[in-house]
């Protein structure tokens, strides 16, 4: 999927006393089939940026090009064109389990397929394939989604998006409220989904998740892009200036360096740190 931001500005409540500038002169290409993390402090503009990709918002100025569609202030897009475009983008909000509404799990997961592909004769087959991918078997199919555990509800919501086979998945704080085990399980699932050919844009405050799973990260602060690069490079810098937490592994490395240990910049996880410490004795 081709995504390009060309001098994009966005202001909430424009031309009112309550106007707030959310994005300022954003120029960005997101054309790689990566897991791309968009990070920044609360209110930095990262969620606004993703909502422009899905045309939940329209720029105040500038243009967002998504494949053949242009999201710009004076460009009119008919409902059918938006529907055709949106079926290529799956959007999971922070509490994705709140997106559930149907009587049964299977009906809920089938809904997206039936909406985007009303002529499809096998929505159930696609729904079951998606449920299998997220690790839910037939014992769940006829249950109410509201009777499931929190983790199961999240998986049903993910399956509901995957069933209509989007090319891009946008995740807004997917690990919010999860413990360490839950974070690993859900992020391992998204990594598995990515390996099927789905590009992922990840909005998160969790820098450990970014370091472990993202190929690329974009740091936004005060509505402007501050950094773009590999997580292992950016996160070794002073990221606290952007109100981001230094990942646990780098906190340990900083402390070891302060004690005189010569730790190279290639170290970015516990196994490589142990190997480095053994090498230097």
Protein backbone atom coordinates (compact mmCIF):
# COMPACT_ATOMS: atom_id res chain seq x y z
CA UNK A 1 0.00 0.00 0.00
CA UNK A 2 1.32 3.43 -1.03
CA UNK A 3 0.89 6.11 1.65
CA UNK A 4 2.34 9.60 1.35
CA UNK A 5 1.80 12.72 3.47
CA UNK A 6 2.52 15.89 1.52
CA UNK A 7 2.80 19.05 3.68
CA UNK A 8 -0.10 17.96 5.88
CA UNK A 9 -1.51 20.19 8.61
CA UNK A 10 -4.43 19.37 10.87
CA UNK A 11 -6.24 21.63 13.34
CA UNK A 12 -9.10 20.58 15.60
CA UNK A 13 -11.99 23.09 15.92
CA UNK A 14 -10.51 25.22 13.16
CA UNK A 15 -11.61 28.89 13.07
CA UNK A 16 -12.91 28.74 16.62
CA UNK A 17 -11.56 29.98 19.98
CA UNK A 18 -10.93 26.33 20.86
CA UNK A 19 -8.74 25.48 17.87
CA UNK A 20 -5.79 23.16 18.55
CA UNK A 21 -2.97 22.46 16.10
CA UNK A 22 -2.43 18.69 16.05
CA UNK A 23 -0.10 18.22 13.05
CA UNK A 24 2.26 20.69 11.38
CA UNK A 25 3.79 20.24 7.91
CA UNK A 26 3.96 16.42 7.92
CA UNK A 27 5.94 14.93 5.01
CA UNK A 28 6.13 11.17 5.20
CA UNK A 29 6.25 8.04 3.03
CA UNK A 30 4.91 4.79 4.48
CA UNK A 31 5.34 2.42 1.56
CA UNK A 32 7.26 -0.46 3.12
CA UNK A 33 5.65 -3.72 4.21
CA UNK A 34 6.96 -3.15 7.75
CA UNK A 35 5.79 -3.06 11.31
CA UNK A 36 6.06 0.71 11.76
CA UNK A 37 5.68 2.22 15.24
CA UNK A 38 4.39 5.77 15.64
CA UNK A 39 5.31 7.07 19.08
CA UNK A 40 5.07 10.25 21.07
CA UNK A 41 3.69 11.75 24.25
CA UNK A 42 -0.08 12.01 24.80
CA UNK A 43 -1.43 14.74 22.51
CA UNK A 44 1.60 14.67 20.20
CA UNK A 45 -0.54 13.95 17.10
CA UNK A 46 0.16 10.28 16.49
CA UNK A 47 -3.47 9.10 16.57
CA UNK A 48 -4.52 12.03 14.41
CA UNK A 49 -1.97 10.94 11.82
CA UNK A 50 -3.39 7.41 11.61
CA UNK A 51 -6.97 8.68 11.38
CA UNK A 52 -5.97 10.70 8.32
CA UNK A 53 -4.78 7.48 6.67
CA UNK A 54 -8.21 5.90 7.09
CA UNK A 55 -10.02 9.16 6.19
CA UNK A 56 -11.68 9.35 9.57
CA UNK A 57 -10.30 12.91 9.41
CA UNK A 58 -9.53 15.29 6.53
CA UNK A 59 -6.39 17.49 6.57
CA UNK A 60 -6.83 21.19 7.24
CA UNK A 61 -4.13 21.74 4.61
CA UNK A 62 -2.00 19.43 2.47
CA UNK A 63 -2.72 16.02 1.02
CA UNK A 64 -2.56 12.40 2.10
CA UNK A 65 -2.22 9.97 -0.82
CA UNK A 66 -3.36 6.42 -0.10
CA UNK A 67 -2.97 4.32 -3.24
CA UNK A 68 -5.19 6.11 -5.80
CA UNK A 69 -7.20 8.04 -3.24
CA UNK A 70 -6.36 11.60 -2.17
CA UNK A 71 -7.45 12.83 1.26
CA UNK A 72 -7.42 16.62 1.00
CA UNK A 73 -9.66 19.54 2.08
CA UNK A 74 -11.35 20.21 -1.27
CA UNK A 75 -11.38 16.67 -2.64
CA UNK A 76 -14.84 15.07 -2.64
CA UNK A 77 -14.88 11.29 -2.26
CA UNK A 78 -18.10 9.36 -2.78
CA UNK A 79 -19.22 6.79 -0.25
CA UNK A 80 -18.60 3.84 -2.58
CA UNK A 81 -15.01 4.94 -3.21
CA UNK A 82 -14.35 5.27 0.54
CA UNK A 83 -15.81 1.81 1.13
CA UNK A 84 -13.58 0.31 -1.56
CA UNK A 85 -10.58 2.02 -0.01
CA UNK A 86 -11.39 1.17 3.62
CA UNK A 87 -11.67 -2.54 2.98
CA UNK A 88 -7.90 -2.48 2.44
CA UNK A 89 -7.26 -0.95 5.88
CA UNK A 90 -8.10 -2.61 9.18
CA UNK A 91 -8.33 -0.23 12.16
CA UNK A 92 -8.23 -1.57 15.72
CA UNK A 93 -8.88 1.04 18.39
CA UNK A 94 -7.28 1.05 21.82
CA UNK A 95 -10.03 -1.02 23.42
CA UNK A 96 -10.82 -3.10 20.35
CA UNK A 97 -13.05 -5.44 22.35
CA UNK A 98 -15.57 -2.58 22.48
CA UNK A 99 -16.01 -3.02 18.70
CA UNK A 100 -17.94 -6.26 19.30
CA UNK A 101 -21.74 -6.18 18.98
CA UNK A 102 -23.19 -9.33 17.39
CA UNK A 103 -25.05 -12.25 19.02
CA UNK A 104 -22.30 -14.78 18.41
CA UNK A 105 -18.57 -14.76 17.81
CA UNK A 106 -18.94 -16.17 14.30
CA UNK A 107 -21.55 -13.59 13.28
CA UNK A 108 -19.37 -10.79 14.64
CA UNK A 109 -16.34 -11.91 12.65
CA UNK A 110 -18.44 -12.41 9.50
CA UNK A 111 -19.85 -8.86 9.67
CA UNK A 112 -16.90 -7.10 8.00
CA UNK A 113 -16.81 -9.59 5.13
CA UNK A 114 -20.54 -9.22 4.54
CA UNK A 115 -20.28 -5.41 4.62
CA UNK A 116 -17.33 -5.06 2.26
CA UNK A 117 -18.03 -8.08 0.07
CA UNK A 118 -21.83 -8.57 0.01
CA UNK A 119 -21.58 -10.93 -2.99
CA UNK A 120 -19.13 -13.23 -1.25
CA UNK A 121 -20.74 -16.65 -0.86
CA UNK A 122 -18.35 -17.89 1.80
CA UNK A 123 -18.18 -15.26 4.59
CA UNK A 124 -18.27 -18.04 7.19
CA UNK A 125 -15.21 -19.69 5.65
CA UNK A 126 -13.22 -16.44 5.83
CA UNK A 127 -14.41 -15.83 9.41
CA UNK A 128 -13.33 -19.32 10.53
CA UNK A 129 -9.94 -18.86 8.85
CA UNK A 130 -9.45 -15.58 10.75
CA UNK A 131 -10.55 -17.12 14.05
CA UNK A 132 -8.08 -19.97 13.58
CA UNK A 133 -5.32 -17.45 12.88
CA UNK A 134 -5.95 -15.68 16.20
CA UNK A 135 -6.08 -18.97 18.10
CA UNK A 136 -9.82 -19.40 18.69
CA UNK A 137 -11.43 -22.75 17.84
CA UNK A 138 -15.01 -23.85 17.10
CA UNK A 139 -15.90 -24.02 20.78
CA UNK A 140 -16.17 -20.21 20.64
CA UNK A 141 -18.11 -19.83 17.39
CA UNK A 142 -21.65 -19.87 18.80
CA UNK A 143 -20.88 -18.18 22.10
CA UNK A 144 -21.77 -14.58 22.80
CA UNK A 145 -18.64 -12.44 22.44
CA UNK A 146 -19.66 -10.72 25.68
CA UNK A 147 -19.26 -13.97 27.62
CA UNK A 148 -15.57 -14.29 26.69
CA UNK A 149 -12.52 -13.23 28.68
CA UNK A 150 -10.89 -9.87 27.94
CA UNK A 151 -8.10 -11.51 25.95
CA UNK A 152 -10.56 -13.62 23.94
CA UNK A 153 -12.68 -10.55 23.14
CA UNK A 154 -9.58 -8.79 21.83
CA UNK A 155 -8.82 -11.79 19.59
CA UNK A 156 -12.37 -11.83 18.24
CA UNK A 157 -12.09 -8.12 17.39
CA UNK A 158 -8.80 -8.79 15.59
CA UNK A 159 -10.37 -11.71 13.71
CA UNK A 160 -13.25 -9.47 12.65
CA UNK A 161 -10.78 -7.19 10.89
CA UNK A 162 -8.59 -9.95 9.46
CA UNK A 163 -11.58 -11.77 7.95
CA UNK A 164 -12.02 -9.16 5.18
CA UNK A 165 -8.27 -9.46 4.41
CA UNK A 166 -6.96 -5.87 4.65
CA UNK A 167 -3.52 -5.04 3.29
CA UNK A 168 -2.76 -2.68 6.20
CA UNK A 169 -3.55 -3.02 9.90
CA UNK A 170 -3.52 0.09 12.11
CA UNK A 171 -3.25 -0.69 15.83
CA UNK A 172 -3.93 1.99 18.43
CA UNK A 173 -2.32 1.00 21.76
CA UNK A 174 -2.98 -2.75 21.29
CA UNK A 175 -1.20 -3.73 24.53
CA UNK A 176 -3.00 -1.24 26.79
CA UNK A 177 -4.11 -2.87 30.03
CA UNK A 178 -2.24 -6.14 29.42
CA UNK A 179 0.36 -7.71 31.70
CA UNK A 180 3.77 -8.81 30.39
CA UNK A 181 2.49 -12.24 29.35
CA UNK A 182 -0.55 -10.76 27.60
CA UNK A 183 1.60 -8.21 25.77
CA UNK A 184 3.90 -10.90 24.42
CA UNK A 185 1.00 -13.11 23.33
CA UNK A 186 -0.82 -10.32 21.48
CA UNK A 187 2.34 -8.92 19.86
CA UNK A 188 3.49 -12.39 18.81
CA UNK A 189 0.07 -12.73 17.16
CA UNK A 190 0.50 -9.45 15.28
CA UNK A 191 3.97 -10.53 14.19
CA UNK A 192 2.44 -13.76 12.84
CA UNK A 193 -0.19 -11.71 11.00
CA UNK A 194 2.52 -9.47 9.55
CA UNK A 195 4.34 -12.54 8.25
CA UNK A 196 1.25 -13.36 6.15
CA UNK A 197 1.91 -10.15 4.16
CA UNK A 198 -0.08 -7.55 6.14
CA UNK A 199 1.69 -4.23 6.80
CA UNK A 200 1.22 -2.90 10.34
CA UNK A 201 1.21 0.61 11.78
CA UNK A 202 1.49 0.50 15.56
CA UNK A 203 0.64 3.46 17.80
CA UNK A 204 2.03 2.83 21.27
CA UNK A 205 3.61 4.27 24.42
CA UNK A 206 5.44 1.00 25.13
CA UNK A 207 9.03 1.33 23.99
CA UNK A 208 9.86 -2.25 24.95
CA UNK A 209 7.22 -3.39 22.45
CA UNK A 210 8.65 -1.04 19.82
CA UNK A 211 12.19 -2.36 20.34
CA UNK A 212 11.11 -6.01 20.24
CA UNK A 213 8.68 -5.90 17.32
CA UNK A 214 8.95 -2.79 15.11
CA UNK A 215 11.15 -2.51 12.02
CA UNK A 216 10.87 1.27 11.92
CA UNK A 217 9.78 3.99 14.30
CA UNK A 218 8.54 7.53 13.83
CA UNK A 219 8.77 9.94 16.76
CA UNK A 220 6.18 12.73 16.79
CA UNK A 221 6.32 15.61 19.23
CA UNK A 222 4.18 18.74 19.28
CA UNK A 223 2.61 17.72 15.98
CA UNK A 224 5.92 17.45 14.12
CA UNK A 225 8.06 14.50 13.07
CA UNK A 226 11.26 14.53 15.14
CA UNK A 227 12.91 11.20 14.29
CA UNK A 228 12.55 8.36 11.77
CA UNK A 229 14.70 5.26 11.90
CA UNK A 230 15.40 1.83 13.34
CA UNK A 231 14.18 1.42 16.95
CA UNK A 232 17.51 0.00 18.16
CA UNK A 233 19.24 3.20 16.99
CA UNK A 234 16.73 5.83 18.14
CA UNK A 235 15.95 4.25 21.51
CA UNK A 236 19.60 4.35 22.58
CA UNK A 237 19.41 8.15 22.37
CA UNK A 238 17.86 10.49 24.92
CA UNK A 239 14.22 9.71 24.13
CA UNK A 240 13.01 11.07 27.46
CA UNK A 241 13.12 14.55 25.90
CA UNK A 242 10.02 13.41 23.96
CA UNK A 243 8.47 12.00 27.14
CA UNK A 244 9.22 8.43 26.02
CA UNK A 245 10.51 5.79 28.41
CA UNK A 246 13.88 4.23 27.73
CA UNK A 247 13.38 0.45 27.15
CA UNK A 248 14.36 -1.75 30.09
CA UNK A 249 17.30 -3.32 28.27
CA UNK A 250 18.82 0.09 27.50
CA UNK A 251 18.34 1.25 31.08
CA UNK A 252 20.40 -1.77 32.18
CA UNK A 253 23.03 -1.06 29.51
CA UNK A 254 23.31 2.61 30.54
CA UNK A 255 23.88 1.53 34.16
CA UNK A 256 26.51 -1.03 33.12
CA UNK A 257 28.33 1.56 31.02
CA UNK A 258 28.28 3.93 34.00
CA UNK A 259 30.09 1.16 35.92
CA UNK A 260 32.76 1.00 33.22
CA UNK A 261 31.48 -1.94 31.19
CA UNK A 262 32.19 -1.68 27.47
CA UNK A 263 28.82 -2.59 25.91
CA UNK A 264 28.59 -2.16 22.13
CA UNK A 265 25.66 -0.47 20.39
CA UNK A 266 24.67 -3.75 18.71
CA UNK A 267 23.27 -5.08 22.00
CA UNK A 268 19.48 -4.72 22.10
CA UNK A 269 18.20 -7.73 24.06
CA UNK A 270 19.05 -9.90 27.07
CA UNK A 271 20.70 -12.80 25.13
CA UNK A 272 23.04 -10.45 23.27
CA UNK A 273 23.80 -8.59 26.52
CA UNK A 274 24.74 -11.85 28.28
CA UNK A 275 26.94 -12.81 25.35
CA UNK A 276 28.64 -9.39 25.44
CA UNK A 277 29.26 -9.60 29.19
CA UNK A 278 30.75 -13.10 28.83
CA UNK A 279 32.98 -11.88 26.01
CA UNK A 280 34.41 -9.08 28.14
CA UNK A 281 34.54 -11.18 31.29
